[in-house]
Amino acid sequence: MNFEPEMPGMNTHSSDGTKESHYRILVCASRPETLTLAALLEAADQMYRCTVTSDVKEFRTQLLVDRCEVILIAADDVDLELTNDIRRLQPHASMVFAAPSVGVKDLTKAMQAGAVDFLTGPLNAEEVEDRIKLAATRSIELVEREERMHRLRSLSRRIDAETEQLEDIPTSVTNLDSAGPFAIESAAPQDDDRRLDEVAMCSEFRTLIRQELDVEDLLRTALEYLLVKTGPTNAAVYLAGGDESFGLGAYVNCDLSRKSVEPMLRRLCDEACPAISEHADVLRFEDAKEFIAECDLGTEVSTDIEMVAVPCHFDGECLAVMFLFRSEAESFEDSVAQTLDALREILAEQLATLIRVHNRMENAWPEDVVDEEGDLGWDDLAA
């Protein structure tokens, strides 16, 4: 079960046609499922260099020893503390979970931990190799992309330094007015590093979603990417319909099931979406507690929830409205608003593309009547 689509530029062979150098795999073989997978990889024609640890304690120590492309670990061995250690010590490694069987709880844990794949059930050696190779090449791509970004930053700083020597022109910054009491306050002007990171993020997001020509696949891919940037959160996406109406297109459950917040989702659809679609900014609900209390969701749903609304416009038309909401204890930072603001137009643009494709595919008969005594409308061409 892959959580990330194949990224552009992923090559499993070098340019001269020879095999890629060994992929470095760190395996926590404390359970039978990971021990079996490690044995399959070690027998894979010397393509993988596996470092196998016998327990979680030894695995933690090995994280400090050498960089690896893939971390293979059993789902039951992972907790929040271990996830944070992996991200801190092996930031470019792709994490792959393994388990005899998988349930909703396991999938949720995998997504929250940032795992790129989940190996489950009986798998043959070829399938295991292919999926581990895909995870490894993803890590290599991330390292190469970061190196390119580092070179771009260095070049940008050098150009800026040379420009300052020629002339010292102050940069004027326009303060954008907030769109009402719900608007998230604008952050300080972005520095060069932040701008370059945002350009790279937008390019990556655009490349991912342009591959999706189905609305459900598009929303799933977009939300998976967004949740990596925002952190675990509940999210609902409403798609615009006719007569200024909206319909729920997708819902992501972090800690609130769709059934438990159904009344709130209906009210957001009927009341909030039409009003928010007229705004141009990313918005924060200052009265989220009052709004949720009025929805009468029951005692199992806390009202201490922060909510953000994201209207997605393209060519002057609101095509979708996203709502992100989670506990106030993990409130949204201003950087989240900047990320959502950068990506929402790209999502709206792809939605507009799908709408155009759908409209072109509608069934329609030619208006001209075919001359039955003539060539039946096929012209006079021979195949």
Protein backbone atom coordinates (compact mmCIF):
# COMPACT_ATOMS: atom_id res chain seq x y z
CA MET A 1 0.00 0.00 0.00
CA ASN A 2 1.90 3.03 -1.26
CA PHE A 3 1.24 6.33 0.48
CA GLU A 4 3.17 8.45 -2.04
CA PRO A 5 2.99 8.38 -5.85
CA GLU A 6 6.16 7.88 -7.81
CA MET A 7 8.03 11.16 -8.02
CA PRO A 8 9.27 12.50 -11.37
CA GLY A 9 12.86 11.75 -12.14
CA MET A 10 12.99 8.51 -10.15
CA ASN A 11 15.42 6.22 -11.98
CA THR A 12 16.37 2.78 -10.79
CA HIS A 13 19.31 2.46 -13.19
CA SER A 14 22.32 4.63 -13.84
CA SER A 15 22.78 6.41 -17.16
CA ASP A 16 25.28 3.86 -18.45
CA GLY A 17 22.81 1.00 -18.02
CA THR A 18 24.63 -0.65 -15.13
CA LYS A 19 22.94 -1.49 -11.86
CA GLU A 20 22.58 1.15 -9.19
CA SER A 21 24.97 0.98 -6.26
CA HIS A 22 23.78 -0.79 -3.11
CA TYR A 23 20.73 0.66 -1.40
CA ARG A 24 21.31 0.99 2.33
CA ILE A 25 18.46 -0.51 4.35
CA LEU A 26 18.20 -0.30 8.13
CA VAL A 27 15.95 -3.07 9.47
CA CYS A 28 14.55 -3.39 12.96
CA ALA A 29 14.09 -7.17 12.93
CA SER A 30 12.48 -7.54 16.33
CA ARG A 31 9.45 -9.27 14.80
CA PRO A 32 9.03 -12.15 12.32
CA GLU A 33 7.59 -9.98 9.54
CA THR A 34 10.62 -7.67 9.34
CA LEU A 35 13.08 -10.51 9.80
CA THR A 36 11.54 -12.30 6.79
CA LEU A 37 11.66 -9.17 4.65
CA ALA A 38 15.31 -8.59 5.59
CA ALA A 39 16.16 -12.13 4.46
CA LEU A 40 14.46 -11.54 1.10
CA LEU A 41 16.39 -8.30 0.55
CA GLU A 42 19.76 -9.77 1.49
CA ALA A 43 19.23 -12.50 -1.11
CA ALA A 44 18.35 -9.96 -3.83
CA ASP A 45 21.47 -10.23 -6.02
CA GLN A 46 23.53 -7.93 -3.76
CA MET A 47 21.36 -4.93 -4.63
CA TYR A 48 20.67 -4.09 -0.99
CA ARG A 49 23.04 -3.56 1.90
CA CYS A 50 20.98 -4.43 4.95
CA THR A 51 21.90 -3.50 8.48
CA VAL A 52 19.76 -5.73 10.69
CA THR A 53 19.17 -4.91 14.34
CA SER A 54 17.62 -7.33 16.79
CA ASP A 55 15.58 -4.91 18.90
CA VAL A 56 14.42 -1.30 19.12
CA LYS A 57 17.22 -0.29 21.49
CA GLU A 58 19.90 -1.46 19.07
CA PHE A 59 17.93 0.15 16.23
CA ARG A 60 18.05 3.56 17.97
CA THR A 61 21.82 3.25 18.32
CA GLN A 62 22.22 2.34 14.65
CA LEU A 63 20.37 5.51 13.58
CA LEU A 64 23.48 7.44 14.64
CA VAL A 65 26.01 5.23 12.86
CA ASP A 66 25.38 5.62 9.13
CA ARG A 67 22.95 7.24 6.73
CA CYS A 68 20.46 4.97 5.01
CA GLU A 69 17.91 5.26 2.22
CA VAL A 70 15.17 3.07 3.72
CA ILE A 71 14.11 2.25 7.27
CA LEU A 72 12.12 -1.00 7.51
CA ILE A 73 10.31 -1.43 10.81
CA ALA A 74 7.27 -3.21 12.22
CA ALA A 75 4.25 -1.01 12.85
CA ASP A 76 3.96 -2.26 16.44
CA ASP A 77 7.49 -1.05 17.22
CA VAL A 78 6.81 2.58 16.31
CA ASP A 79 5.66 5.24 18.75
CA LEU A 80 5.78 9.05 18.70
CA GLU A 81 9.18 9.25 20.40
CA LEU A 82 10.79 6.83 17.95
CA THR A 83 9.21 8.65 15.00
CA ASN A 84 10.72 11.95 16.16
CA ASP A 85 14.15 10.30 16.57
CA ILE A 86 14.00 8.90 13.02
CA ARG A 87 13.02 12.25 11.53
CA ARG A 88 15.78 14.02 13.45
CA LEU A 89 18.59 11.52 12.84
CA GLN A 90 17.65 10.23 9.37
CA PRO A 91 15.67 13.11 7.79
CA HIS A 92 16.03 11.85 4.21
CA ALA A 93 15.28 8.17 4.84
CA SER A 94 12.02 6.69 3.60
CA MET A 95 10.19 4.82 6.35
CA VAL A 96 8.45 1.56 5.36
CA PHE A 97 6.11 -0.18 7.81
CA ALA A 98 5.50 -3.92 7.93
CA ALA A 99 2.79 -5.98 9.63
CA PRO A 100 1.07 -9.39 9.13
CA SER A 101 -2.21 -7.53 8.59
CA VAL A 102 -3.25 -3.90 8.54
CA GLY A 103 -6.17 -2.01 10.04
CA VAL A 104 -7.35 1.57 10.15
CA LYS A 105 -5.35 2.24 13.32
CA ASP A 106 -2.14 0.98 11.66
CA LEU A 107 -2.73 3.07 8.54
CA THR A 108 -3.36 6.16 10.64
CA LYS A 109 -0.12 5.58 12.55
CA ALA A 110 1.79 5.11 9.28
CA MET A 111 0.47 8.36 7.79
CA GLN A 112 1.16 10.32 10.96
CA ALA A 113 4.70 8.94 11.08
CA GLY A 114 5.30 9.87 7.43
CA ALA A 115 5.75 6.29 6.17
CA VAL A 116 5.83 5.98 2.39
CA ASP A 117 4.72 2.34 2.17
CA PHE A 118 3.15 -0.45 4.24
CA LEU A 119 4.18 -4.04 3.47
CA THR A 120 1.56 -6.51 4.60
CA GLY A 121 0.42 -10.01 3.83
CA PRO A 122 2.35 -12.63 1.87
CA LEU A 123 4.65 -10.89 -0.64
CA ASN A 124 7.00 -12.51 -3.13
CA ALA A 125 10.64 -11.47 -3.36
CA GLU A 126 10.20 -9.49 -6.57
CA GLU A 127 7.40 -7.33 -5.17
CA VAL A 128 9.33 -6.62 -1.97
CA GLU A 129 12.41 -5.60 -3.98
CA ASP A 130 10.41 -3.32 -6.26
CA ARG A 131 8.68 -1.50 -3.40
CA ILE A 132 11.85 -1.09 -1.34
CA LYS A 133 13.68 0.15 -4.44
CA LEU A 134 10.95 2.74 -5.03
CA ALA A 135 11.27 3.95 -1.43
CA ALA A 136 15.07 4.11 -1.75
CA THR A 137 15.02 6.09 -5.00
CA ARG A 138 12.61 8.53 -3.38
CA SER A 139 15.18 9.21 -0.66
CA ILE A 140 17.92 9.69 -3.24
CA GLU A 141 15.72 12.18 -5.10
CA LEU A 142 15.12 14.13 -1.89
CA VAL A 143 18.86 14.38 -1.22
CA GLU A 144 19.56 15.49 -4.79
CA ARG A 145 16.76 18.06 -4.64
CA GLU A 146 18.12 19.47 -1.39
CA GLU A 147 21.60 19.73 -2.88
CA ARG A 148 20.17 21.63 -5.87
CA MET A 149 18.31 23.96 -3.52
CA HIS A 150 21.51 24.54 -1.54
CA ARG A 151 23.32 25.52 -4.73
CA LEU A 152 20.45 27.86 -5.67
CA ARG A 153 20.54 29.49 -2.24
CA SER A 154 24.28 29.98 -2.47
CA LEU A 155 23.93 31.50 -5.92
CA SER A 156 21.10 33.76 -4.74
CA ARG A 157 23.13 35.01 -1.77
CA ARG A 158 26.12 35.68 -4.01
CA ILE A 159 23.99 37.62 -6.49
CA ASP A 160 22.41 39.63 -3.67
CA ALA A 161 25.83 40.46 -2.25
CA GLU A 162 27.06 41.66 -5.63
CA THR A 163 23.91 43.70 -6.15
CA GLU A 164 24.30 45.42 -2.78
CA GLN A 165 27.80 46.47 -3.74
CA LEU A 166 26.46 48.15 -6.87
CA GLU A 167 23.49 49.90 -5.35
CA ASP A 168 21.61 49.98 -2.09
CA ILE A 169 17.93 50.19 -2.97
CA PRO A 170 15.48 49.59 -0.10
CA THR A 171 12.75 47.11 -0.85
CA SER A 172 9.24 48.38 -0.23
CA VAL A 173 6.81 45.98 1.38
CA THR A 174 3.10 46.33 0.89
CA ASN A 175 1.02 45.56 3.96
CA LEU A 176 -1.97 43.52 2.88
CA ASP A 177 -5.24 44.34 4.60
CA SER A 178 -6.84 41.41 6.35
CA ALA A 179 -10.19 40.27 5.09
CA GLY A 180 -12.25 40.69 8.22
CA PRO A 181 -11.88 39.38 11.76
CA PHE A 182 -11.19 35.79 10.67
CA ALA A 183 -8.08 36.55 8.61
CA ILE A 184 -4.80 35.02 9.69
CA GLU A 185 -2.31 37.81 10.17
CA SER A 186 0.31 38.16 7.47
CA ALA A 187 3.78 37.06 8.49
CA ALA A 188 6.99 39.03 8.07
CA PRO A 189 8.40 39.42 4.54
CA GLN A 190 9.91 36.19 3.30
CA ASP A 191 13.69 35.90 3.10
CA ASP A 192 15.50 34.32 0.16
CA ASP A 193 15.61 30.86 1.71
CA ARG A 194 11.89 30.91 2.41
CA ARG A 195 11.08 32.04 -1.12
CA LEU A 196 13.22 29.32 -2.65
CA ASP A 197 11.64 26.68 -0.41
CA GLU A 198 8.18 27.89 -1.41
CA VAL A 199 9.03 27.76 -5.13
CA ALA A 200 10.31 24.20 -4.73
CA MET A 201 7.22 23.20 -2.72
CA CYS A 202 4.83 24.63 -5.32
CA SER A 203 6.71 22.93 -8.15
CA GLU A 204 6.58 19.59 -6.35
CA PHE A 205 2.87 19.95 -5.53
CA ARG A 206 2.00 20.96 -9.10
CA THR A 207 3.92 17.99 -10.51
CA LEU A 208 2.11 15.57 -8.19
CA ILE A 209 -1.45 16.69 -8.80
CA ARG A 210 -1.10 17.22 -12.55
CA GLN A 211 -0.88 13.44 -12.84
CA GLU A 212 -4.39 13.09 -11.40
CA LEU A 213 -7.28 13.25 -13.86
CA ASP A 214 -9.91 11.92 -11.46
CA VAL A 215 -11.44 14.17 -8.80
CA GLU A 216 -11.20 11.60 -5.99
CA ASP A 217 -7.57 10.79 -6.80
CA LEU A 218 -6.77 14.49 -7.06
CA LEU A 219 -8.26 15.29 -3.65
CA ARG A 220 -6.58 12.31 -2.01
CA THR A 221 -3.15 13.22 -3.40
CA ALA A 222 -3.57 16.90 -2.55
CA LEU A 223 -4.67 16.21 1.02
CA GLU A 224 -1.87 13.72 1.61
CA TYR A 225 0.65 16.35 0.54
CA LEU A 226 -1.00 19.14 2.53
CA LEU A 227 -1.15 17.09 5.72
CA VAL A 228 2.58 16.46 5.51
CA LYS A 229 3.04 20.24 5.54
CA THR A 230 0.42 21.11 8.17
CA GLY A 231 0.85 18.16 10.50
CA PRO A 232 -1.95 15.81 11.65
CA THR A 233 -5.33 17.53 11.31
CA ASN A 234 -8.93 16.86 10.40
CA ALA A 235 -9.80 18.27 6.99
CA ALA A 236 -12.87 18.59 4.77
CA VAL A 237 -12.95 19.71 1.14
CA TYR A 238 -16.13 21.07 -0.40
CA LEU A 239 -16.46 21.32 -4.18
CA ALA A 240 -18.48 24.05 -5.83
CA GLY A 241 -21.59 23.01 -7.74
CA GLY A 242 -24.27 24.89 -9.57
CA ASP A 243 -26.35 27.74 -8.12
CA GLU A 244 -23.62 28.69 -5.62
CA SER A 245 -24.03 25.36 -3.81
CA PHE A 246 -21.27 23.13 -2.43
CA GLY A 247 -20.89 19.43 -1.77
CA LEU A 248 -18.47 17.47 0.42
CA GLY A 249 -15.77 16.02 -1.79
CA ALA A 250 -13.37 14.52 0.76
CA TYR A 251 -12.86 14.20 4.50
CA VAL A 252 -9.70 13.30 6.44
CA ASN A 253 -10.13 11.94 9.95
CA CYS A 254 -7.29 12.61 12.39
CA ASP A 255 -9.10 12.36 15.73
CA LEU A 256 -12.72 13.13 14.80
CA SER A 257 -14.65 10.65 12.70
CA ARG A 258 -16.92 11.97 9.99
CA LYS A 259 -19.96 10.50 11.75
CA SER A 260 -19.20 12.36 14.98
CA VAL A 261 -19.02 15.77 13.24
CA GLU A 262 -21.68 15.20 10.56
CA PRO A 263 -23.95 18.05 11.79
CA MET A 264 -21.01 20.46 11.69
CA LEU A 265 -20.04 19.32 8.19
CA ARG A 266 -23.59 19.92 6.94
CA ARG A 267 -23.66 23.39 8.46
CA LEU A 268 -20.28 24.26 6.97
CA CYS A 269 -21.60 23.17 3.59
CA ASP A 270 -24.88 25.07 3.75
CA GLU A 271 -23.88 28.24 5.61
CA ALA A 272 -20.12 28.73 5.69
CA CYS A 273 -19.02 27.75 2.18
CA PRO A 274 -21.12 30.31 0.26
CA ALA A 275 -19.88 33.11 2.54
CA ILE A 276 -16.24 32.03 2.60
CA SER A 277 -16.14 31.60 -1.19
CA GLU A 278 -16.45 35.39 -1.48
CA HIS A 279 -13.22 35.95 0.49
CA ALA A 280 -9.77 35.98 -1.07
CA ASP A 281 -7.72 35.20 2.06
CA VAL A 282 -7.01 32.17 4.20
CA LEU A 283 -9.32 32.60 7.19
CA ARG A 284 -9.31 31.56 10.83
CA PHE A 285 -12.60 31.13 12.74
CA GLU A 286 -12.32 33.36 15.79
CA ASP A 287 -15.70 32.02 17.01
CA ALA A 288 -14.96 28.32 16.37
CA LYS A 289 -15.98 27.30 19.92
CA GLU A 290 -19.35 29.00 19.62
CA PHE A 291 -19.89 27.58 16.13
CA ILE A 292 -19.12 24.00 17.23
CA ALA A 293 -21.24 24.34 20.38
CA GLU A 294 -24.23 25.40 18.26
CA CYS A 295 -23.81 22.29 16.11
CA ASP A 296 -24.67 20.12 19.14
CA LEU A 297 -22.08 17.42 18.43
CA GLY A 298 -22.35 15.77 21.82
CA THR A 299 -20.04 15.47 24.79
CA GLU A 300 -17.54 13.24 22.95
CA VAL A 301 -16.47 16.17 20.73
CA SER A 302 -14.64 18.99 22.51
CA THR A 303 -15.39 22.58 21.56
CA ASP A 304 -11.72 23.54 22.11
CA ILE A 305 -11.03 23.30 18.41
CA GLU A 306 -9.30 25.74 16.10
CA MET A 307 -10.61 25.96 12.55
CA VAL A 308 -9.09 27.39 9.36
CA ALA A 309 -10.93 27.94 6.08
CA VAL A 310 -9.17 28.01 2.70
CA PRO A 311 -11.10 29.28 -0.35
CA CYS A 312 -9.55 28.01 -3.59
CA HIS A 313 -10.05 30.40 -6.50
CA PHE A 314 -9.02 30.13 -10.12
CA ASP A 315 -9.72 32.75 -12.76
CA GLY A 316 -11.97 34.64 -10.37
CA GLU A 317 -14.15 31.62 -9.49
CA CYS A 318 -14.17 29.70 -6.20
CA LEU A 319 -13.96 26.02 -7.12
CA ALA A 320 -13.44 24.57 -3.64
CA VAL A 321 -13.33 25.44 0.05
CA MET A 322 -11.12 23.53 2.50
CA PHE A 323 -11.61 23.43 6.27
CA LEU A 324 -8.82 22.29 8.59
CA PHE A 325 -9.58 21.84 12.27
CA ARG A 326 -7.82 20.35 15.28
CA SER A 327 -7.38 20.87 19.02
CA GLU A 328 -6.37 24.32 20.22
CA ALA A 329 -3.51 22.63 22.08
CA GLU A 330 -1.90 22.11 18.64
CA SER A 331 -2.96 25.40 17.07
CA PHE A 332 -2.06 26.34 13.51
CA GLU A 333 1.02 28.52 13.12
CA ASP A 334 1.20 31.42 10.68
CA SER A 335 3.57 29.38 8.51
CA VAL A 336 0.68 26.98 7.85
CA ALA A 337 -1.35 29.86 6.44
CA GLN A 338 1.53 30.76 4.11
CA THR A 339 1.78 27.15 2.92
CA LEU A 340 -1.96 26.87 2.28
CA ASP A 341 -1.99 30.23 0.51
CA ALA A 342 0.81 29.09 -1.80
CA LEU A 343 -0.79 25.75 -2.72
CA ARG A 344 -4.52 26.51 -2.92
CA GLU A 345 -4.40 28.21 -6.34
CA ILE A 346 -2.50 25.23 -7.78
CA LEU A 347 -5.25 22.91 -6.53
CA ALA A 348 -7.94 25.18 -7.98
CA GLU A 349 -6.11 25.27 -11.31
CA GLN A 350 -6.08 21.47 -11.54
CA LEU A 351 -9.77 21.33 -10.60
CA ALA A 352 -10.47 23.76 -13.43
CA THR A 353 -8.51 21.49 -15.78
CA LEU A 354 -10.62 18.48 -14.76
CA ILE A 355 -13.79 20.48 -15.33
CA ARG A 356 -12.66 21.41 -18.84
CA VAL A 357 -11.75 17.79 -19.60
CA HIS A 358 -15.11 16.59 -18.28
CA ASN A 359 -17.02 19.15 -20.36
CA ARG A 360 -15.19 18.12 -23.52
CA MET A 361 -16.05 14.47 -22.87
CA GLU A 362 -19.81 15.07 -22.66
CA ASN A 363 -21.77 13.14 -25.26
CA ALA A 364 -23.03 15.26 -28.17
CA TRP A 365 -24.22 14.32 -31.64
CA PRO A 366 -23.18 16.38 -34.68
CA GLU A 367 -25.72 19.04 -35.63
CA ASP A 368 -25.31 18.48 -39.38
CA VAL A 369 -27.46 15.74 -40.90
CA VAL A 370 -25.44 13.04 -42.63
CA ASP A 371 -26.19 12.55 -46.33
CA GLU A 372 -27.29 8.90 -46.44
CA GLU A 373 -26.75 8.72 -50.19
CA GLY A 374 -23.27 10.17 -49.95
CA ASP A 375 -20.20 9.09 -48.04
CA LEU A 376 -21.96 8.83 -44.64
CA GLY A 377 -19.85 11.64 -43.25
CA TRP A 378 -16.54 9.73 -43.43
CA ASP A 379 -15.12 12.03 -46.15
CA ASP A 380 -13.27 10.33 -49.02
CA LEU A 381 -10.19 8.99 -47.23
CA ALA A 382 -8.85 5.48 -47.39
CA ALA A 383 -7.21 3.91 -44.34
